[in-house]
């Protein structure tokens, strides 16, 4: 086999010569640079399999070179060498794409192991990129799965999309209701117009009416100018009202009027604006039960309940996980600008064995974490630990040296996470069990990074 070629950029002569000799004894072909400018010229002039870069050198330093390497057509795998093992330098090196960093004095056995891993990772990345280039890529909105439950879902979308009927999408959190709504829009006659998405639970109640219907200048304190609402902005297209089960009674009444009369009035105006907009709504709540309890208007429910689509939970279509996992890994890798790794059989078996109370969204976050941990190699079961499922383990303990605020934060996070787990990801039930409103639950989930 052709020996791997290494660029060794080190300004200290004795260290450079020693490393060169050791690397050549292991069968590498070594090209040396005594400063950053020389290393930069060499990198542009020829390809290398790997580069060992000192973080501090005359001319360009190792991090600057690392930035240049990331822009090369065929970049080498990079190990950063440093005598300054600070967190800032380590984080920056990894952020810029280094495979790893090694602190001085360097232990050659450790260096040799990391160098082999880096070169193998680079080789896998290039093979995967070549393979991926031959594969058709799904559209960002495309749903994945061929189970009977998904076939029924596709059929329902195909039936209702060409019409202008109001659609109500039901399903647990994380089942992809947003994707269903997008598919309906893109397969409708309105596909060339806007699709406007509104999360009704994430907008404060005091602002929601103005967000939906717009307002005139001076309509309320802070209304410095006229603003059109989401309904008016979506004219000719589709408006998607997510979490519609969280609307207050007064907003429900105004929405009912919009659906009945197909017109709106901005806050502070008597002018009626006619609308041509399709309404698609979604919720994870049991709206029939909410009607019985008096928290959701019966007349609005029947206005929305023209055509209902049920997004199936992941536990009812486990056979789709083998198709879903690679697609979700590819999407995360594209967003993080990382190579797409293969996923091993043992990892797929683990994924299929879990219930996924947070459904596809939870699975995607689990795989994103595994992608980061795999460092470009195959995603295996070892990268899918218990916390990847979004649940706290019984062994999670509060830090012994935590202060008052840290203790409160730790306890709140544990309560929120456990409530979501007990409610199988249903945020309404979780909020009820915690005796807080959903908006506070949303705020806490964002604060603690819980999905």
Foldseek 3Di string as FASTA:
>chain_A
DQAFEEEEEDQPVVVSVVVCVVVVVVPHHYDYHNFDVVVLVVVVPDAGQEYEAEQDGPDDGPLRVLLVQVPDPQHHAYEYEYQDPDPVVQVSCVLSPHLGYAYPPDDVVVVVVSNVVRSVLSVLLVVLVVVVVPDDADDPLDDFDDDPLVVVLVVLLVVPLQDLAFEEEEEFAQLNPVSSVLSSQCSYPLNVADEAEDEQLQDPLVCNLCQAAWAADPLDPPRNHTDGHRQVRRASGEYEYEQVLPHAPVVLVQVLCCLVQQWGAHRPDPDIGHGDYGYYYYHHDPVVVCVVVVRHPPSSVVSNVPHYGYRDFCLVRLVRLVVLLQSLQVVLCVVSVHRREAEDPQLSVVSSVDNLLNGPVLSSQLSSQQSVVCSSYYRYNVSRDPCSSVADDPPDDQDPPDDDVSVVLVVVSNLLSVLCVVVSNHQCSSCVVVVHDSNVSVVSCVVVVGD
